[in-house]
Protein backbone atom coordinates (compact mmCIF):
# COMPACT_ATOMS: atom_id res chain seq x y z
CA MET A 1 -104.66 -46.03 -42.72
CA ALA A 2 -106.41 -44.25 -39.86
CA ALA A 3 -103.30 -42.21 -39.14
CA ALA A 4 -102.98 -41.27 -42.81
CA ALA A 5 -106.62 -40.24 -42.92
CA ALA A 6 -106.19 -38.14 -39.82
CA ALA A 7 -103.13 -36.45 -41.29
CA ALA A 8 -104.96 -35.75 -44.53
CA SER A 9 -107.89 -34.35 -42.64
CA THR A 10 -105.78 -31.97 -40.63
CA SER A 11 -103.81 -30.82 -43.67
CA ARG A 12 -106.67 -28.58 -44.80
CA LEU A 13 -105.63 -24.94 -44.93
CA LEU A 14 -107.88 -22.38 -43.32
CA LEU A 15 -107.74 -19.30 -45.52
CA LEU A 16 -109.23 -16.13 -44.05
CA ARG A 17 -110.17 -13.23 -46.33
CA HIS A 18 -111.71 -10.71 -43.97
CA HIS A 19 -110.17 -11.07 -40.50
CA HIS A 20 -106.57 -10.75 -39.37
CA HIS A 21 -105.77 -13.56 -36.92
CA HIS A 22 -102.60 -13.25 -34.88
CA ALA A 23 -100.44 -16.28 -34.30
CA ALA A 24 -100.44 -17.76 -30.83
CA ALA A 25 -98.26 -15.82 -28.45
CA ASP A 26 -96.12 -18.86 -27.79
CA GLY A 27 -95.73 -19.72 -31.50
CA SER A 28 -92.13 -18.58 -31.65
CA LYS A 29 -91.36 -20.60 -28.51
CA GLN A 30 -92.86 -23.71 -30.09
CA GLN A 31 -90.73 -23.16 -33.15
CA GLN A 32 -87.64 -22.67 -30.99
CA GLN A 33 -88.33 -25.90 -29.10
CA LEU A 34 -88.63 -27.83 -32.37
CA ARG A 35 -85.57 -26.27 -33.96
CA TYR A 36 -83.29 -29.00 -32.67
CA SER A 37 -85.34 -31.91 -34.01
CA SER A 38 -84.57 -33.00 -37.54
CA LYS A 39 -86.70 -36.15 -37.51
CA PRO A 40 -90.09 -36.26 -39.24
CA SER A 41 -92.94 -36.05 -36.80
CA SER A 42 -96.02 -38.24 -36.74
CA LEU A 43 -98.05 -35.44 -35.16
CA ALA A 44 -101.07 -34.05 -36.99
CA LEU A 45 -100.10 -31.69 -39.77
CA PRO A 46 -100.15 -27.97 -38.92
CA ARG A 47 -102.96 -25.75 -40.10
CA LEU A 48 -102.11 -22.68 -42.16
CA ARG A 49 -104.06 -19.44 -42.28
CA LEU A 50 -103.40 -17.05 -45.17
CA LEU A 51 -103.68 -13.63 -43.58
CA PRO A 52 -104.92 -10.56 -45.46
CA ALA A 53 -102.75 -7.47 -45.50
CA ALA A 54 -103.53 -5.05 -42.71
CA GLY A 55 -103.48 -2.19 -45.20
CA ALA A 56 -104.52 -3.70 -48.50
CA LEU A 57 -105.02 -0.87 -50.98
CA LEU A 58 -107.25 -0.87 -54.05
CA PRO A 59 -106.85 2.30 -56.15
CA ASP A 60 -109.83 4.03 -57.73
CA ARG A 61 -108.72 3.06 -61.21
CA VAL A 62 -106.80 -0.06 -62.10
CA THR A 63 -105.32 -0.49 -65.59
CA PRO A 64 -104.34 -4.14 -66.05
CA PHE A 65 -101.42 -4.98 -68.27
CA SER A 66 -102.58 -5.68 -71.81
CA TYR A 67 -101.06 -6.69 -75.10
CA GLU A 68 -103.83 -4.89 -76.98
CA GLU A 69 -102.79 -3.72 -80.44
CA ASP A 70 -102.85 -0.08 -79.43
CA ASP A 71 -101.09 -0.46 -76.12
CA GLU A 72 -97.73 1.29 -76.15
CA SER A 73 -96.66 -1.53 -73.92
CA ASP A 74 -94.18 -1.87 -76.04
CA ASP A 75 -93.78 -5.03 -77.80
CA HIS A 76 -91.40 -6.31 -75.14
CA PRO A 77 -91.86 -9.26 -72.82
CA ARG A 78 -92.58 -8.31 -69.23
CA GLU A 79 -90.47 -9.36 -66.29
CA GLU A 80 -92.79 -10.67 -63.65
CA CYS A 81 -91.50 -9.68 -60.22
CA GLY A 82 -88.87 -7.97 -58.13
CA LEU A 83 -87.75 -8.82 -54.59
CA VAL A 84 -86.09 -6.87 -51.79
CA GLY A 85 -85.31 -8.02 -48.26
CA VAL A 86 -83.50 -6.30 -45.38
CA VAL A 87 -82.69 -7.77 -41.97
CA GLY A 88 -80.83 -6.13 -39.11
CA ASP A 89 -81.76 -2.49 -39.71
CA PRO A 90 -84.33 -0.47 -37.71
CA ASP A 91 -85.52 1.12 -40.96
CA ALA A 92 -85.94 -2.18 -42.79
CA SER A 93 -89.36 -1.42 -44.28
CA SER A 94 -88.28 2.03 -45.50
CA LEU A 95 -85.22 0.49 -47.14
CA CYS A 96 -87.44 -2.13 -48.79
CA TYR A 97 -89.68 0.67 -50.05
CA LEU A 98 -86.72 2.43 -51.66
CA GLY A 99 -85.42 -0.82 -53.12
CA LEU A 100 -88.81 -1.61 -54.61
CA GLN A 101 -88.88 1.84 -56.21
CA LYS A 102 -85.63 0.98 -57.94
CA LEU A 103 -87.10 -2.35 -59.11
CA GLN A 104 -90.34 -0.81 -60.36
CA HIS A 105 -89.47 -1.84 -63.93
CA ARG A 106 -89.85 -5.48 -62.83
CA GLY A 107 -93.51 -5.10 -61.91
CA GLU A 108 -96.10 -2.33 -62.01
CA GLU A 109 -99.36 -4.11 -61.11
CA GLY A 110 -98.93 -4.26 -57.38
CA ALA A 111 -96.51 -3.96 -54.49
CA GLY A 112 -96.29 -4.98 -50.87
CA ILE A 113 -94.08 -5.16 -47.80
CA VAL A 114 -94.18 -7.47 -44.79
CA ALA A 115 -92.19 -6.43 -41.70
CA VAL A 116 -91.52 -8.07 -38.35
CA GLY A 117 -91.98 -5.78 -35.37
CA GLY A 118 -90.14 -5.74 -32.08
CA ASP A 119 -92.81 -8.03 -30.65
CA GLY A 120 -92.03 -10.67 -33.27
CA LYS A 121 -95.38 -10.28 -35.04
CA LEU A 122 -95.44 -9.92 -38.82
CA LYS A 123 -97.54 -7.22 -40.43
CA SER A 124 -98.35 -6.68 -44.10
CA VAL A 125 -99.28 -3.78 -46.36
CA THR A 126 -100.08 -4.54 -50.01
CA GLY A 127 -101.87 -2.74 -52.80
CA LEU A 128 -102.44 -2.42 -56.52
CA GLY A 129 -100.46 0.10 -58.52
CA LEU A 130 -96.97 1.55 -58.43
CA VAL A 131 -94.86 1.45 -55.29
CA ALA A 132 -95.26 5.19 -54.74
CA ASP A 133 -99.05 4.85 -55.03
CA VAL A 134 -99.34 1.90 -52.66
CA PHE A 135 -97.23 3.64 -50.03
CA GLY A 136 -98.24 7.21 -50.91
CA ASP A 137 -99.74 7.67 -47.45
CA PRO A 138 -96.75 7.90 -45.04
CA ALA A 139 -98.86 6.20 -42.37
CA ARG A 140 -98.84 2.96 -44.36
CA LEU A 141 -95.06 2.67 -44.25
CA ALA A 142 -94.97 3.91 -40.66
CA SER A 143 -97.25 0.99 -39.75
CA LEU A 144 -94.41 -1.41 -40.60
CA PRO A 145 -91.72 -0.77 -37.96
CA GLY A 146 -89.13 -3.36 -37.14
CA PRO A 147 -85.66 -4.69 -37.93
CA ALA A 148 -86.57 -7.01 -40.82
CA ALA A 149 -88.80 -6.76 -43.90
CA ILE A 150 -89.34 -8.25 -47.34
CA GLY A 151 -90.94 -6.50 -50.32
CA HIS A 152 -92.32 -7.45 -53.72
CA VAL A 153 -93.41 -5.82 -56.98
CA ARG A 154 -95.31 -7.84 -59.56
CA TYR A 155 -96.70 -8.41 -62.95
CA SER A 156 -98.66 -11.62 -63.30
CA THR A 157 -98.14 -14.92 -65.09
CA ALA A 158 -99.67 -17.54 -62.79
CA GLY A 159 -102.53 -15.60 -61.25
CA ALA A 160 -105.09 -13.12 -62.51
CA ALA A 161 -103.76 -9.72 -63.43
CA ALA A 162 -104.50 -6.79 -61.15
CA SER A 163 -106.10 -8.89 -58.42
CA LEU A 164 -105.45 -7.60 -54.92
CA ARG A 165 -105.49 -11.04 -53.36
CA ASN A 166 -102.57 -12.09 -55.60
CA VAL A 167 -100.32 -9.21 -54.51
CA GLN A 168 -97.33 -10.39 -52.52
CA PRO A 169 -95.69 -10.92 -50.11
CA PHE A 170 -98.15 -13.51 -48.84
CA LEU A 171 -98.44 -13.68 -45.07
CA ALA A 172 -99.67 -16.90 -43.49
CA GLY A 173 -100.11 -18.29 -40.03
CA TYR A 174 -99.65 -21.95 -39.22
CA ARG A 175 -99.09 -24.11 -36.16
CA PHE A 176 -95.60 -22.82 -35.40
CA GLY A 177 -96.11 -19.11 -36.04
CA GLN A 178 -96.20 -16.79 -39.03
CA VAL A 179 -94.33 -16.92 -42.31
CA ALA A 180 -94.28 -14.50 -45.25
CA VAL A 181 -93.06 -15.31 -48.75
CA ALA A 182 -92.24 -13.30 -51.87
CA HIS A 183 -91.60 -15.07 -55.18
CA ASN A 184 -90.05 -14.17 -58.52
CA GLY A 185 -90.48 -16.81 -61.19
CA ASN A 186 -93.03 -19.31 -62.44
CA LEU A 187 -93.65 -22.92 -61.43
CA VAL A 188 -94.23 -25.21 -64.41
CA ASN A 189 -95.77 -27.92 -62.20
CA TYR A 190 -98.04 -25.52 -60.32
CA GLN A 191 -101.34 -26.94 -61.52
CA ALA A 192 -100.27 -30.53 -60.91
CA LEU A 193 -99.19 -29.65 -57.35
CA ARG A 194 -102.34 -27.65 -56.70
CA ASN A 195 -104.59 -30.49 -57.91
CA LYS A 196 -102.88 -32.95 -55.57
CA LEU A 197 -103.11 -30.58 -52.61
CA GLU A 198 -106.77 -29.85 -53.27
CA ALA A 199 -107.49 -33.56 -53.59
CA ARG A 200 -106.07 -33.95 -50.08
CA GLY A 201 -108.27 -31.20 -48.69
CA SER A 202 -106.26 -27.99 -49.21
CA ILE A 203 -108.27 -24.85 -49.87
CA PHE A 204 -106.71 -22.09 -51.98
CA ASN A 205 -107.51 -18.41 -51.64
CA THR A 206 -105.53 -17.05 -54.61
CA SER A 207 -104.72 -18.00 -58.19
CA SER A 208 -101.00 -17.47 -57.64
CA ASP A 209 -98.54 -20.33 -57.93
CA THR A 210 -96.76 -18.91 -54.87
CA GLU A 211 -99.53 -20.12 -52.58
CA VAL A 212 -98.61 -23.72 -53.45
CA ILE A 213 -95.26 -23.16 -51.73
CA LEU A 214 -96.96 -22.18 -48.47
CA HIS A 215 -99.20 -25.26 -48.61
CA LEU A 216 -96.21 -27.52 -49.20
CA ILE A 217 -94.40 -25.99 -46.22
CA ALA A 218 -97.45 -26.36 -43.98
CA THR A 219 -97.99 -30.02 -44.88
CA SER A 220 -94.33 -31.03 -44.67
CA LEU A 221 -93.42 -33.38 -41.80
CA SER A 222 -89.83 -32.12 -41.69
CA ARG A 223 -88.39 -30.00 -38.86
CA PRO A 224 -87.31 -27.21 -38.44
CA LEU A 225 -88.60 -24.56 -40.90
CA LEU A 226 -85.42 -24.72 -42.97
CA SER A 227 -86.06 -28.41 -43.55
CA ARG A 228 -89.69 -27.65 -44.41
CA ILE A 229 -88.59 -25.08 -47.01
CA CYS A 230 -86.10 -27.50 -48.53
CA ASP A 231 -88.71 -30.26 -48.53
CA ALA A 232 -91.19 -27.99 -50.30
CA CYS A 233 -88.70 -26.73 -52.88
CA GLU A 234 -87.65 -30.25 -53.79
CA ARG A 235 -91.18 -30.69 -55.17
CA LEU A 236 -91.11 -27.50 -57.24
CA ALA A 237 -90.21 -27.38 -60.94
CA GLY A 238 -89.44 -24.21 -62.86
CA ALA A 239 -88.13 -20.83 -61.85
CA TYR A 240 -88.19 -19.45 -58.32
CA SER A 241 -86.24 -16.91 -56.37
CA LEU A 242 -87.83 -16.67 -52.93
CA LEU A 243 -87.60 -14.60 -49.78
CA PHE A 244 -89.18 -15.96 -46.58
CA LEU A 245 -89.58 -13.98 -43.37
CA THR A 246 -90.42 -15.28 -39.89
CA ALA A 247 -90.26 -13.74 -36.44
CA ASP A 248 -86.53 -14.34 -36.13
CA LYS A 249 -85.15 -15.37 -39.52
CA MET A 250 -84.99 -14.48 -43.20
CA PHE A 251 -84.46 -17.17 -45.85
CA ALA A 252 -83.31 -16.46 -49.41
CA VAL A 253 -83.80 -19.32 -51.89
CA ARG A 254 -82.91 -19.73 -55.55
CA ASP A 255 -83.98 -22.58 -57.79
CA PRO A 256 -81.35 -25.16 -58.80
CA HIS A 257 -81.16 -23.86 -62.39
CA GLY A 258 -80.78 -20.21 -61.32
CA PHE A 259 -83.35 -18.92 -63.82
CA ARG A 260 -84.08 -15.64 -62.02
CA PRO A 261 -81.50 -13.45 -60.30
CA LEU A 262 -81.10 -12.91 -56.55
CA VAL A 263 -78.15 -11.12 -54.95
CA LEU A 264 -76.84 -10.54 -51.44
CA GLY A 265 -75.32 -7.36 -50.01
CA ARG A 266 -74.48 -5.75 -46.69
CA ARG A 267 -74.89 -2.26 -45.27
CA ARG A 268 -72.24 -0.51 -43.20
CA ASN A 269 -74.19 -1.18 -40.00
CA GLY A 270 -74.05 -4.93 -40.67
CA ALA A 271 -77.59 -5.27 -42.00
CA VAL A 272 -77.97 -7.94 -44.69
CA ALA A 273 -79.93 -7.17 -47.86
CA PHE A 274 -81.25 -9.29 -50.72
CA ALA A 275 -82.57 -8.03 -54.05
CA SER A 276 -83.36 -9.12 -57.57
CA GLU A 277 -80.82 -6.63 -58.93
CA THR A 278 -77.77 -4.86 -57.56
CA CYS A 279 -79.23 -1.45 -58.51
CA ALA A 280 -81.55 -1.83 -55.50
CA LEU A 281 -78.59 -2.60 -53.24
CA ASP A 282 -76.78 0.48 -54.54
CA LEU A 283 -79.72 2.73 -53.71
CA ILE A 284 -79.96 1.57 -50.09
CA GLU A 285 -76.16 1.71 -49.71
CA ALA A 286 -75.66 -2.01 -49.38
CA THR A 287 -72.42 -3.33 -50.84
CA TYR A 288 -72.92 -6.16 -53.29
CA GLU A 289 -71.17 -9.31 -52.08
CA ARG A 290 -72.36 -12.16 -54.28
CA GLU A 291 -75.21 -14.00 -55.94
CA VAL A 292 -77.39 -16.39 -54.04
CA GLU A 293 -76.17 -19.45 -55.88
CA PRO A 294 -78.53 -21.71 -57.81
CA GLY A 295 -79.90 -24.33 -55.44
CA GLU A 296 -78.78 -22.42 -52.34
CA VAL A 297 -80.67 -21.36 -49.22
CA VAL A 298 -79.15 -18.45 -47.29
CA VAL A 299 -80.41 -18.08 -43.71
CA VAL A 300 -80.00 -14.87 -41.69
CA ASP A 301 -80.84 -15.05 -37.98
CA ARG A 302 -81.76 -11.51 -36.90
CA ARG A 303 -81.08 -12.29 -33.23
CA ASP A 304 -77.31 -12.53 -33.72
CA MET A 305 -77.09 -11.60 -37.45
CA SER A 306 -75.41 -14.91 -38.23
CA VAL A 307 -75.51 -15.92 -41.90
CA SER A 308 -75.50 -19.58 -42.90
CA SER A 309 -75.98 -21.43 -46.14
CA ALA A 310 -77.46 -24.77 -47.14
CA CYS A 311 -77.72 -26.72 -50.37
CA LEU A 312 -81.33 -26.96 -51.49
CA VAL A 313 -81.11 -29.90 -53.89
CA PRO A 314 -78.38 -31.77 -55.76
CA HIS A 315 -76.59 -29.85 -58.50
CA ARG A 316 -78.46 -29.26 -61.74
CA PRO A 317 -77.24 -27.51 -64.91
CA ARG A 318 -77.37 -23.74 -64.56
CA ARG A 319 -79.86 -22.04 -66.90
CA SER A 320 -79.98 -18.33 -66.06
CA CYS A 321 -82.32 -16.20 -68.17
CA VAL A 322 -80.37 -14.46 -70.94
CA PHE A 323 -83.18 -11.93 -71.36
CA GLU A 324 -82.15 -10.36 -68.05
CA HIS A 325 -79.05 -9.11 -69.86
CA ILE A 326 -80.85 -8.33 -73.13
CA TYR A 327 -83.75 -6.31 -71.76
CA PHE A 328 -85.11 -6.77 -68.24
CA ALA A 329 -82.42 -5.65 -65.83
CA LEU A 330 -81.40 -2.03 -65.48
CA PRO A 331 -78.08 -1.26 -67.20
CA ASN A 332 -76.49 -0.16 -63.91
CA SER A 333 -77.06 -3.59 -62.36
CA VAL A 334 -74.77 -6.58 -62.08
CA VAL A 335 -76.80 -9.69 -62.95
CA PHE A 336 -75.42 -13.23 -63.02
CA SER A 337 -72.02 -11.71 -62.16
CA HIS A 338 -71.94 -9.58 -65.33
CA ALA A 339 -72.40 -5.82 -65.67
CA VAL A 340 -75.58 -5.45 -67.72
CA HIS A 341 -74.44 -2.40 -69.71
CA GLU A 342 -71.29 -4.24 -70.78
CA ARG A 343 -73.30 -7.22 -72.02
CA ARG A 344 -75.61 -4.98 -74.05
CA THR A 345 -72.70 -3.07 -75.54
CA ALA A 346 -71.17 -6.40 -76.57
CA PHE A 347 -74.46 -7.48 -78.18
CA GLY A 348 -74.50 -4.30 -80.28
CA ARG A 349 -70.87 -4.70 -81.26
CA ALA A 350 -71.45 -8.29 -82.37
CA LEU A 351 -74.54 -7.24 -84.31
CA ALA A 352 -72.50 -4.69 -86.24
CA GLU A 353 -69.91 -7.33 -87.07
CA GLU A 354 -72.60 -9.71 -88.34
CA SER A 355 -74.96 -7.29 -90.04
CA PRO A 356 -73.42 -3.90 -90.84
CA ALA A 357 -75.49 -1.21 -92.49
CA ALA A 358 -73.38 -0.07 -95.40
CA GLY A 359 -73.86 3.57 -96.33
CA ALA A 360 -75.77 4.50 -93.17
CA ASP A 361 -75.25 7.95 -91.69
CA VAL A 362 -76.26 7.63 -88.06
CA VAL A 363 -77.11 5.03 -85.38
CA ILE A 364 -79.93 5.71 -82.94
CA PRO A 365 -81.33 3.55 -80.10
CA VAL A 366 -84.92 2.74 -79.30
CA PRO A 367 -85.07 4.22 -75.81
CA ASP A 368 -84.45 3.28 -73.17
CA SER A 369 -83.28 -0.33 -73.28
CA GLY A 370 -81.69 -0.14 -76.74
CA PHE A 371 -79.17 2.52 -75.70
CA TYR A 372 -76.06 0.43 -74.96
CA ALA A 373 -76.61 -1.99 -77.85
CA ALA A 374 -76.84 0.99 -80.23
CA LEU A 375 -73.70 2.47 -78.68
CA GLY A 376 -71.83 -0.79 -79.27
CA PHE A 377 -73.14 -0.97 -82.86
CA ALA A 378 -72.03 2.60 -83.58
CA ARG A 379 -68.55 2.11 -82.15
CA ALA A 380 -67.99 -1.11 -84.07
CA SER A 381 -69.31 0.45 -87.29
CA GLY A 382 -67.48 3.75 -86.99
CA LEU A 383 -70.82 5.55 -87.37
CA GLU A 384 -72.14 8.58 -85.54
CA PHE A 385 -74.23 7.79 -82.47
CA GLN A 386 -77.16 10.07 -81.70
CA GLN A 387 -80.28 10.12 -79.54
CA GLY A 388 -82.76 10.32 -82.40
CA LEU A 389 -85.85 9.28 -80.42
CA ILE A 390 -86.95 10.78 -77.14
CA ARG A 391 -89.22 8.73 -74.89
CA TRP A 392 -91.82 10.63 -72.88
CA HIS A 393 -92.45 8.72 -69.64
CA TYR A 394 -95.56 10.47 -68.37
CA SER A 395 -98.24 9.99 -71.01
CA GLY A 396 -100.11 6.88 -69.83
CA ARG A 397 -101.25 4.04 -72.08
CA SER A 398 -102.25 4.69 -75.66
CA PHE A 399 -105.04 2.10 -75.80
CA ILE A 400 -107.31 4.22 -73.56
CA GLN A 401 -107.65 6.88 -76.27
CA PRO A 402 -111.10 7.06 -77.93
CA THR A 403 -110.22 6.81 -81.63
CA GLN A 404 -107.43 5.31 -83.71
CA ALA A 405 -106.41 8.74 -85.01
CA ILE A 406 -105.95 10.01 -81.47
CA ARG A 407 -104.12 6.82 -80.50
CA ASP A 408 -101.70 7.37 -83.40
CA LEU A 409 -101.00 10.86 -82.08
CA ALA A 410 -100.45 9.39 -78.62
CA VAL A 411 -97.68 7.19 -80.06
CA LYS A 412 -95.89 10.36 -81.19
CA LEU A 413 -96.19 11.69 -77.68
CA LYS A 414 -94.50 8.61 -76.24
CA LEU A 415 -91.70 8.49 -78.84
CA ALA A 416 -90.75 11.83 -80.35
CA PRO A 417 -88.22 12.04 -83.21
CA VAL A 418 -85.38 14.54 -83.16
CA HIS A 419 -85.82 15.90 -86.69
CA GLY A 420 -82.35 17.41 -86.96
CA VAL A 421 -80.79 14.00 -86.32
CA ILE A 422 -83.06 12.10 -88.72
CA ARG A 423 -84.10 14.31 -91.62
CA GLY A 424 -82.51 13.32 -94.95
CA LYS A 425 -80.34 10.58 -93.40
CA SER A 426 -79.97 6.85 -93.64
CA VAL A 427 -80.75 5.78 -90.08
CA VAL A 428 -79.84 2.58 -88.25
CA VAL A 429 -82.33 1.94 -85.44
CA VAL A 430 -81.14 -0.51 -82.77
CA ASP A 431 -83.59 -2.19 -80.41
CA ASP A 432 -82.93 -4.91 -77.85
CA SER A 433 -85.65 -7.30 -79.09
CA LEU A 434 -88.58 -7.65 -81.46
CA VAL A 435 -91.56 -9.64 -80.23
CA ARG A 436 -94.82 -8.86 -82.03
CA GLY A 437 -93.51 -6.16 -84.36
CA THR A 438 -96.17 -3.59 -83.54
CA THR A 439 -93.86 -1.06 -81.91
CA SER A 440 -91.17 -1.52 -84.56
CA SER A 441 -93.60 -0.76 -87.38
CA LYS A 442 -94.74 2.39 -85.58
CA ILE A 443 -91.14 3.51 -85.11
CA VAL A 444 -90.34 2.97 -88.78
CA ARG A 445 -93.36 5.07 -89.81
CA LEU A 446 -92.42 7.72 -87.27
CA LEU A 447 -88.89 8.02 -88.66
CA ARG A 448 -90.08 8.17 -92.26
CA ASP A 449 -92.57 10.90 -91.33
CA ALA A 450 -89.67 12.76 -89.71
CA GLY A 451 -87.77 12.74 -93.03
CA ALA A 452 -85.48 9.70 -92.77
CA ARG A 453 -84.16 8.72 -96.20
CA GLU A 454 -83.71 5.07 -95.17
CA VAL A 455 -84.53 3.10 -92.03
CA HIS A 456 -82.44 0.05 -91.19
CA MET A 457 -83.69 -1.95 -88.20
CA ARG A 458 -81.14 -3.92 -86.17
CA ILE A 459 -82.19 -6.15 -83.28
CA ALA A 460 -79.56 -6.98 -80.64
CA SER A 461 -80.96 -10.45 -79.90
CA PRO A 462 -82.12 -13.45 -81.93
CA PRO A 463 -85.71 -13.76 -83.21
CA VAL A 464 -88.17 -14.61 -80.43
CA VAL A 465 -89.97 -17.79 -81.50
CA GLY A 466 -91.02 -19.38 -78.21
CA SER A 467 -93.02 -18.29 -75.17
CA CYS A 468 -91.30 -18.23 -71.79
CA LEU A 469 -92.29 -20.77 -69.13
CA TYR A 470 -90.12 -19.38 -66.35
CA GLY A 471 -91.59 -16.13 -65.12
CA ILE A 472 -91.74 -13.79 -68.10
CA ASP A 473 -95.00 -12.59 -69.59
CA THR A 474 -94.65 -13.21 -73.32
CA PRO A 475 -97.39 -13.39 -75.96
CA SER A 476 -98.53 -16.74 -77.27
CA GLU A 477 -96.38 -18.27 -79.98
CA GLY A 478 -99.02 -17.38 -82.56
CA GLU A 479 -98.51 -13.70 -81.74
CA LEU A 480 -94.72 -13.83 -82.09
CA ILE A 481 -93.98 -12.29 -85.47
CA SER A 482 -90.78 -14.28 -86.04
CA ASN A 483 -92.71 -17.45 -85.36
CA ARG A 484 -95.17 -16.58 -88.15
CA MET A 485 -92.88 -15.08 -90.79
CA ASP A 486 -89.40 -15.44 -92.19
CA LEU A 487 -86.92 -12.56 -92.04
CA GLU A 488 -88.12 -10.96 -95.26
CA GLY A 489 -91.72 -11.27 -94.16
CA VAL A 490 -90.96 -9.51 -90.89
CA ARG A 491 -89.06 -6.76 -92.74
CA ARG A 492 -92.00 -6.13 -95.02
CA GLU A 493 -94.41 -6.17 -92.10
CA ILE A 494 -92.55 -3.48 -90.13
CA GLY A 495 -91.70 -1.51 -93.29
CA SER A 496 -87.94 -1.04 -92.85
CA ASP A 497 -85.42 -0.92 -95.70
CA SER A 498 -83.44 -3.72 -94.08
CA LEU A 499 -83.69 -5.87 -90.98
CA ALA A 500 -81.20 -8.05 -89.13
CA PHE A 501 -81.14 -9.92 -85.82
CA LEU A 502 -78.18 -11.00 -83.75
CA SER A 503 -77.80 -14.70 -84.49
CA LEU A 504 -78.08 -17.26 -81.73
CA GLY A 505 -74.60 -18.54 -82.52
CA LYS A 506 -73.14 -15.05 -82.18
CA LEU A 507 -74.98 -14.56 -78.90
CA HIS A 508 -73.46 -17.79 -77.61
CA SER A 509 -70.00 -16.71 -78.73
CA ILE A 510 -70.22 -13.57 -76.56
CA TYR A 511 -70.67 -15.77 -73.48
CA GLY A 512 -68.08 -18.32 -74.56
CA ALA A 513 -67.91 -21.31 -72.23
CA GLU A 514 -70.66 -19.76 -70.08
CA ALA A 515 -73.23 -19.96 -72.91
CA GLU A 516 -74.53 -23.37 -71.87
CA GLY A 517 -75.37 -21.88 -68.47
CA TYR A 518 -78.04 -19.59 -69.93
CA CYS A 519 -81.62 -20.32 -70.89
CA ASP A 520 -82.36 -19.26 -74.48
CA ALA A 521 -85.64 -21.15 -74.90
CA CYS A 522 -87.43 -18.08 -76.28
CA PHE A 523 -84.96 -18.15 -79.19
CA SER A 524 -84.30 -21.89 -79.53
CA ARG A 525 -87.37 -23.59 -78.00
CA ASN A 526 -84.88 -25.65 -75.99
CA TYR A 527 -86.73 -25.68 -72.66
CA PRO A 528 -84.60 -26.85 -69.72
CA VAL A 529 -87.64 -27.82 -67.60
CA LEU A 530 -90.85 -28.94 -69.25
CA PRO A 531 -94.28 -28.40 -67.70
CA THR A 532 -95.78 -31.21 -65.66
CA LEU A 533 -99.23 -32.03 -66.96
CA PRO A 534 -101.76 -32.34 -64.14
CA GLU A 535 -103.30 -35.74 -63.62
CA PRO A 536 -106.98 -36.03 -64.50
CA VAL A 537 -109.20 -35.20 -61.55
CA VAL A 538 -112.08 -37.59 -60.95
CA GLU A 539 -114.98 -35.78 -59.28
CA LEU A 540 -117.13 -37.96 -57.03
CA GLU A 541 -120.71 -37.04 -56.31
CA GLU A 542 -121.34 -36.19 -52.67
């Protein structure tokens, strides 16, 4: 009992907000000495210090993500995060910066990079805003020299939006040195884990579920760090793709269900790169080799550039997020071993087979993500394909405008109709998804104002009826229009002449035997991993 009490006492995490504490100079040596011991230790648990970024940046104006009625934000769910890691290249942080730029669509609230210098010390720069804003001062990137780095862009699910302290990668110091982590996903047992850790004396400095992972690593009795990571991940439930960085190693981890993507590539100089999407690998001239498999840990030792792999947990059914193919990933990426643009073209083709628009004159996409689905619909229908809507990318958010009349004009700035394509015609508008219906209704009005004779809305995915639990920012189920209305009710609400969705059965048929390996909970409410309800916390008076 005394030993247990001592261990619990020493498991408290010391979280420092204002001062950067360097790890002990011999920390890497301690870690090296322990690397060969795989037995649990009875020594006191290591202390962990969450270290603030050396160059944390808070812009003058921060616009948090909002689902306000007048936000152009576009009636689509939001992907939560993007990851990039490079090891074995002297320009690792610059390559991470470029990769994060390419993954900007996966998170616009904040960005950060942690790099390991030649002295083995890890240094962090994080900030709120776009990647180019956070690293707009060249000195910030120049302050991150070294042969290995990990980077992160984020929206928020678990953790307050637009909070600097929640911007990753997180950098922490504990008994055996420093460790940084970047996370894409969402832990459905986060609160239960956090309550248990706090009951044992842990102190949290953020509202991010990612911090739980660091606490679990710090309090694990396993050796070496790889065993600590595996031990921690065995206690996690939900979606997680993770990159860890230490003085001499990089670890890439993917949850056993493979909810979120993570890929591996290699540059010509032998440097190893990881990213959420292959488009980031393409930009930094890293050749895509393969996915990090569900339940796998890939370890890269920067001292000899050896790459090894370990199984995280026993096999579980694969449940990769189908919305990566429908909307999130860029069309020039390969995600879950499929070219995204080919998947979207197939969705549009299947939609045309199921729900043709008889008598229509032209097919147009809702830019930008509806492009390939509309192209597939047009080809299968034998209809003309045109770019009938032009998206303006530089206008800001419509909800900041002072009056509704001005906000309505701002919508026309963001999506401008090509009158010569639309006027007097029966138009098929193809979008990738329909969530709340607000953007669709605006588009229908816009096309009618531009002279469309008929507007037929076609959605290249099934109706969204459930919120995502695995790292996607979706509205509550009460806000999902298809959860509140039947098909005819939705059609009347958005004002189109006809409306059709790709059926769930047809979506499954496109994937064939692979269909059971995809999570479609937002369409079916069939959740592969259910949340763990936290146990009641009994507060004792001091």
